[in-house]
Structures are given as C-alpha cells and as structure tokens.
C-alpha cells in the first residue's frame, strides 16, 4: 500500500517500526528508520528496505536518508546509535542494512500501527503494563 507524503512523494506503508525500537532509539533515529521503511527511494524493487551506502556513488546513501529527515542531523552519529543498538549492520565495504528486528509488517494491528505513528512524531508512550518503580 502506498500513499503520498506532504512533500508530494509516494511513500510505502508496508512496514512499521517495532515497539522495541521506539523504546530504544532517539526521536531523530526513530524518524530515520521510519523514513527508511516508507520512502520508495530507500526501498528495493520488492518493497524491502534497501542496503544503503555509507560512502561512495553507486546507490542510495545513508547520509541522504538522514538529511532527508533533518539536514541538521549528524549522519555518523545516527549510524553510530543504530549500530550500537544492533538495529543496522555494516555489510561489505561501505554498505549498511536495516536489520529485520527493527521493523514489522504494517498489518501487525491497529494498536502497534498507532504506536509507530506516535513514535514517528516523537511521541513516546508507556504501556498500561509498565510499572513505575517509584510508586
């Protein structure tokens, strides 16, 4: 399923960010992953997130993804955060791939989809089962 973004680009809605990623990553990194999952420029012919170049000229670049979210973001910092958390993997020389543990099918359910949309907007949430150890 595709839809048109506010910028007039067609974006895919096949994937969503997992709840674990929403809890682990910064708002900026969460937005980068959401864009990677939805923007057709960063998806392969099968609709899966493409491997992106860290450096070089032969394909979609990680820095383009990051700067497409916010030109002021430090692409190296975002890559470092995602690598440290095991959400991306550097493969071969100069390529990075989004690990499957970072996303799930968008048809995972309305509750998970709503959480992903809130996380993409930077709205973090608590589950009703979370217990506050202070109380």
C-alpha atoms as a PDB file:
ATOM      1  CA  UNK A   1       0.000   0.000   0.000  1.00  0.00           C
ATOM      2  CA  UNK A   2       1.345   3.446  -0.923  1.00  0.00           C
ATOM      3  CA  UNK A   3       0.335   6.975  -0.016  1.00  0.00           C
ATOM      4  CA  UNK A   4       1.542  10.468  -0.916  1.00  0.00           C
ATOM      5  CA  UNK A   5       3.657  12.315   1.641  1.00  0.00           C
ATOM      6  CA  UNK A   6       3.338  16.002   2.495  1.00  0.00           C
ATOM      7  CA  UNK A   7       6.222  16.626   0.088  1.00  0.00           C
ATOM      8  CA  UNK A   8       4.273  15.037  -2.766  1.00  0.00           C
ATOM      9  CA  UNK A   9       6.383  11.852  -2.885  1.00  0.00           C
ATOM     10  CA  UNK A  10       4.801   8.449  -2.908  1.00  0.00           C
ATOM     11  CA  UNK A  11       5.723   6.528   0.217  1.00  0.00           C
ATOM     12  CA  UNK A  12       5.236   2.890   1.131  1.00  0.00           C
ATOM     13  CA  UNK A  13       3.240   1.852   4.176  1.00  0.00           C
ATOM     14  CA  UNK A  14       4.163  -1.841   4.053  1.00  0.00           C
ATOM     15  CA  UNK A  15       6.388  -1.698   7.162  1.00  0.00           C
ATOM     16  CA  UNK A  16       6.310  -0.100  10.581  1.00  0.00           C
ATOM     17  CA  UNK A  17       8.840   0.348  13.363  1.00  0.00           C
ATOM     18  CA  UNK A  18       8.705  -2.228  16.144  1.00  0.00           C
ATOM     19  CA  UNK A  19       7.755  -1.186  19.650  1.00  0.00           C
ATOM     20  CA  UNK A  20      11.202  -2.162  20.917  1.00  0.00           C
ATOM     21  CA  UNK A  21      12.874   0.264  18.518  1.00  0.00           C
ATOM     22  CA  UNK A  22      10.516   3.023  19.626  1.00  0.00           C
ATOM     23  CA  UNK A  23      11.618   2.463  23.202  1.00  0.00           C
ATOM     24  CA  UNK A  24      15.352   2.242  22.462  1.00  0.00           C
ATOM     25  CA  UNK A  25      16.234   4.919  19.945  1.00  0.00           C
ATOM     26  CA  UNK A  26      16.254   8.685  19.968  1.00  0.00           C
ATOM     27  CA  UNK A  27      13.467  10.587  18.256  1.00  0.00           C
ATOM     28  CA  UNK A  28      15.789  11.503  15.382  1.00  0.00           C
ATOM     29  CA  UNK A  29      16.937   7.924  14.819  1.00  0.00           C
ATOM     30  CA  UNK A  30      13.331   6.730  15.005  1.00  0.00           C
ATOM     31  CA  UNK A  31      12.396   9.220  12.285  1.00  0.00           C
ATOM     32  CA  UNK A  32      15.303   7.993  10.145  1.00  0.00           C
ATOM     33  CA  UNK A  33      14.120   4.383  10.439  1.00  0.00           C
ATOM     34  CA  UNK A  34      10.518   5.404   9.690  1.00  0.00           C
ATOM     35  CA  UNK A  35      11.660   7.182   6.537  1.00  0.00           C
ATOM     36  CA  UNK A  36      13.799   4.192   5.525  1.00  0.00           C
ATOM     37  CA  UNK A  37      10.700   1.994   5.803  1.00  0.00           C
ATOM     38  CA  UNK A  38       8.288   4.300   3.975  1.00  0.00           C
ATOM     39  CA  UNK A  39      10.148   6.298   1.331  1.00  0.00           C
ATOM     40  CA  UNK A  40      10.339   4.480  -2.018  1.00  0.00           C
ATOM     41  CA  UNK A  41      13.807   5.984  -2.628  1.00  0.00           C
ATOM     42  CA  UNK A  42      15.131   3.726   0.146  1.00  0.00           C
ATOM     43  CA  UNK A  43      13.196   0.553  -0.705  1.00  0.00           C
ATOM     44  CA  UNK A  44      14.252  -2.156  -3.150  1.00  0.00           C
ATOM     45  CA  UNK A  45      12.123  -3.488  -6.023  1.00  0.00           C
ATOM     46  CA  UNK A  46      10.418  -5.918  -3.611  1.00  0.00           C
ATOM     47  CA  UNK A  47       9.461  -3.135  -1.174  1.00  0.00           C
ATOM     48  CA  UNK A  48      12.073  -4.154   1.419  1.00  0.00           C
ATOM     49  CA  UNK A  49      14.443  -1.577   2.977  1.00  0.00           C
ATOM     50  CA  UNK A  50      17.465  -1.263   0.669  1.00  0.00           C
ATOM     51  CA  UNK A  51      21.052  -1.550   1.749  1.00  0.00           C
ATOM     52  CA  UNK A  52      22.457   1.969   1.767  1.00  0.00           C
ATOM     53  CA  UNK A  53      25.924   3.248   1.014  1.00  0.00           C
ATOM     54  CA  UNK A  54      27.860   4.740   3.882  1.00  0.00           C
ATOM     55  CA  UNK A  55      30.189   6.261   1.301  1.00  0.00           C
ATOM     56  CA  UNK A  56      30.563   6.000  -2.460  1.00  0.00           C
ATOM     57  CA  UNK A  57      28.491   6.825  -5.509  1.00  0.00           C
ATOM     58  CA  UNK A  58      26.736   3.639  -6.660  1.00  0.00           C
ATOM     59  CA  UNK A  59      23.372   3.721  -4.927  1.00  0.00           C
ATOM     60  CA  UNK A  60      21.164   5.265  -2.264  1.00  0.00           C
ATOM     61  CA  UNK A  61      23.190   6.791   0.530  1.00  0.00           C
ATOM     62  CA  UNK A  62      22.654   6.694   4.282  1.00  0.00           C
ATOM     63  CA  UNK A  63      23.549  10.378   4.558  1.00  0.00           C
ATOM     64  CA  UNK A  64      20.762  11.214   2.036  1.00  0.00           C
ATOM     65  CA  UNK A  65      18.306   9.283   4.196  1.00  0.00           C
ATOM     66  CA  UNK A  66      19.376  11.094   7.362  1.00  0.00           C
ATOM     67  CA  UNK A  67      19.431  14.536   5.756  1.00  0.00           C
ATOM     68  CA  UNK A  68      16.034  13.826   4.186  1.00  0.00           C
ATOM     69  CA  UNK A  69      14.700  13.647   7.729  1.00  0.00           C
ATOM     70  CA  UNK A  70      16.615  16.682   9.029  1.00  0.00           C
ATOM     71  CA  UNK A  71      19.536  18.433   7.306  1.00  0.00           C
ATOM     72  CA  UNK A  72      20.996  19.284  10.717  1.00  0.00           C
ATOM     73  CA  UNK A  73      21.305  15.661  11.852  1.00  0.00           C
ATOM     74  CA  UNK A  74      24.754  14.133  12.073  1.00  0.00           C
ATOM     75  CA  UNK A  75      24.603  11.038   9.835  1.00  0.00           C
ATOM     76  CA  UNK A  76      27.642   9.489  11.566  1.00  0.00           C
ATOM     77  CA  UNK A  77      26.012   9.970  14.972  1.00  0.00           C
ATOM     78  CA  UNK A  78      22.741   8.372  13.849  1.00  0.00           C
ATOM     79  CA  UNK A  79      24.635   5.476  12.260  1.00  0.00           C
ATOM     80  CA  UNK A  80      26.653   5.017  15.444  1.00  0.00           C
ATOM     81  CA  UNK A  81      23.486   4.918  17.585  1.00  0.00           C
ATOM     82  CA  UNK A  82      21.735   2.426  15.290  1.00  0.00           C
ATOM     83  CA  UNK A  83      24.843   0.228  15.048  1.00  0.00           C
ATOM     84  CA  UNK A  84      25.415   0.283  18.825  1.00  0.00           C
ATOM     85  CA  UNK A  85      21.817  -0.865  19.374  1.00  0.00           C
ATOM     86  CA  UNK A  86      22.144  -3.610  16.752  1.00  0.00           C
ATOM     87  CA  UNK A  87      19.433  -2.150  14.511  1.00  0.00           C
ATOM     88  CA  UNK A  88      21.686  -1.754  11.500  1.00  0.00           C
ATOM     89  CA  UNK A  89      24.552  -3.874  10.297  1.00  0.00           C
ATOM     90  CA  UNK A  90      27.535  -2.802   8.257  1.00  0.00           C
ATOM     91  CA  UNK A  91      27.954  -5.265   5.410  1.00  0.00           C
ATOM     92  CA  UNK A  92      30.678  -5.494   2.810  1.00  0.00           C
ATOM     93  CA  UNK A  93      32.727  -2.372   2.372  1.00  0.00           C
ATOM     94  CA  UNK A  94      30.737   0.814   2.679  1.00  0.00           C
ATOM     95  CA  UNK A  95      27.180  -0.599   2.950  1.00  0.00           C
ATOM     96  CA  UNK A  96      24.673  -0.638   5.821  1.00  0.00           C
ATOM     97  CA  UNK A  97      21.448  -2.611   6.117  1.00  0.00           C
ATOM     98  CA  UNK A  98      18.472  -2.240   8.420  1.00  0.00           C
ATOM     99  CA  UNK A  99      18.103  -5.399  10.491  1.00  0.00           C
ATOM    100  CA  UNK A 100      14.758  -7.173  10.398  1.00  0.00           C
ATOM    101  CA  UNK A 101      14.379  -6.806  14.166  1.00  0.00           C
ATOM    102  CA  UNK A 102      13.821  -3.052  13.657  1.00  0.00           C
ATOM    103  CA  UNK A 103      10.584  -3.372  11.705  1.00  0.00           C
ATOM    104  CA  UNK A 104       7.477  -5.480  11.237  1.00  0.00           C
ATOM    105  CA  UNK A 105       4.597  -5.634   8.736  1.00  0.00           C
ATOM    106  CA  UNK A 106       2.267  -2.638   8.881  1.00  0.00           C
ATOM    107  CA  UNK A 107      -0.623  -5.092   9.130  1.00  0.00           C
ATOM    108  CA  UNK A 108       0.559  -6.042  12.624  1.00  0.00           C
ATOM    109  CA  UNK A 109      -2.536  -4.408  14.070  1.00  0.00           C
ATOM    110  CA  UNK A 110      -4.063  -1.047  14.746  1.00  0.00           C
ATOM    111  CA  UNK A 111      -2.543  -0.665  18.226  1.00  0.00           C
ATOM    112  CA  UNK A 112       1.008  -1.335  17.006  1.00  0.00           C
ATOM    113  CA  UNK A 113       0.430   0.909  13.974  1.00  0.00           C
ATOM    114  CA  UNK A 114      -0.816   3.759  16.202  1.00  0.00           C
ATOM    115  CA  UNK A 115       2.258   3.376  18.428  1.00  0.00           C
ATOM    116  CA  UNK A 116       4.525   3.526  15.364  1.00  0.00           C
ATOM    117  CA  UNK A 117       2.833   6.670  14.116  1.00  0.00           C
ATOM    118  CA  UNK A 118       3.206   8.337  17.522  1.00  0.00           C
ATOM    119  CA  UNK A 119       6.854   7.307  17.700  1.00  0.00           C
ATOM    120  CA  UNK A 120       7.498   8.681  14.210  1.00  0.00           C
ATOM    121  CA  UNK A 121       6.155  12.001  15.509  1.00  0.00           C
ATOM    122  CA  UNK A 122       8.437  11.767  18.528  1.00  0.00           C
ATOM    123  CA  UNK A 123       5.665  10.995  20.983  1.00  0.00           C
ATOM    124  CA  UNK A 124       6.905   8.299  23.320  1.00  0.00           C
ATOM    125  CA  UNK A 125       4.448   6.385  25.427  1.00  0.00           C
ATOM    126  CA  UNK A 126       4.168   3.898  28.254  1.00  0.00           C
ATOM    127  CA  UNK A 127       2.266   0.655  28.053  1.00  0.00           C
ATOM    128  CA  UNK A 128      -0.510   0.129  30.583  1.00  0.00           C
ATOM    129  CA  UNK A 129       1.530  -2.785  31.965  1.00  0.00           C
ATOM    130  CA  UNK A 130       4.546  -0.594  32.746  1.00  0.00           C
ATOM    131  CA  UNK A 131       5.073  -0.200  36.459  1.00  0.00           C
ATOM    132  CA  UNK A 132       6.621   2.891  37.931  1.00  0.00           C
ATOM    133  CA  UNK A 133       9.194   1.628  40.457  1.00  0.00           C
ATOM    134  CA  UNK A 134       8.970   4.953  42.314  1.00  0.00           C
ATOM    135  CA  UNK A 135       5.301   4.408  43.246  1.00  0.00           C
END
